[in-house]
Amino acid sequence: MSASREADSAGHRLASGGPAPRVHGDRRGWTRGVLGLALVLPPLLVLAFLVILPAISAVVTTLTPAADAVPAAPLANYAEVLGTRILRTGIVFTVIVTLVAVAAVFCLSYPLALYLRFVRTRMAALLGVLFMVPLFVPVVIASFAMITFLVGHGLVSTVLYHLGIERFPRLVYNATGIVLTEVWVSIPFAVLILGAGLQAIDDALIDSARDVGAGPLRTFLAIILPLNAAPTMITLTLLFIAIFGSFTIPYLVGGNAPQMLGVTMTSYLTQYLRRTESATLAVIAFMIASVVGVVYVASVSRRERAAP
């Protein structure tokens, strides 16, 4: 009798539009969970087979000493790489070039982002279109364009020669060429991220600061800069990782020595057939980038916690 009354009650709830029995809700939740897992599984498998497993294999390779190594220490490959002057110089060279390029990109991108955010003129609109051009230029073409522009008989040297400057520093096939090309390619990306952060700042805050007598500098330091701190940190970290791990620009625009890590790793793997040294350099580069990646994750997490 009790089971019959429960069945009649459930049928009455369904007929009257009442809530469905709990078992159906549990079934729908289980179906959604399976569907969500099915949607997430393909990218997870791609990440596992193309990133995680090769990374683990590379780490294991670097921790496996050579058969003739004396002593056979697990970190012998790292000691050998860091003890080689040309490789050690390449690591330092890569970090310095990356920091200089990131600083130059940021110093040029932040004023441009501020200008595009707060200036409402035709010139600003035109500039907002022009600065996007490098985004649609392949890196290979951009590199060859910069070589043509900066090489000894290019446009820059020709203009300087007509101005009476017959001796000028080399602007390509060295660190200067790498920095200049990375800056030109990276500015649109940085402006987009910084501009998105600036767009999130309410205009009412800017107007309130002006109403109480704050000048442009005071408004920037007290309101704009703190509110745009998270996008700024994200921009810096992404720029560092992108430039630090770049290959095409250093390969085409850089010199023979020293070389950035991307070029050195490729040379050791494909030309010298020294897989262990190449994997060791890759792990060292990953550890350096991971330090910056931790800063990025912390910035994003802080921003999400601060969001209402």
Foldseek 3Di string as FASTA:
>chain_A
DVVVVVVVVQVVCVVVVHDHDVVVVVVVVVVVVVVVCVVPVVVVVCCCVVPVVVLVVLLQLLQAADPPDVPRGSNPLVVVQCVDVLSVVQAVLLQVLLVVLLVVLCVVQLVLLVCLQPPDDPVSVVVVVVLCVLVPDDLLRLLVVLCQCQPCPHDVVVVCVVVVDNDDDRCWQASNVLSVSLSSNCNVVLSVLLNVQQVPFDVVLVVVCVVVPDDPVRCCVPPVCVSSVLSVLLSSLVSSLPSLQDDNNQVRTHHPPPGHLNPVLVCCVPPVVNNSSSSSSVVVSVVVSVVSVVSNVVSVVVVVVPDD
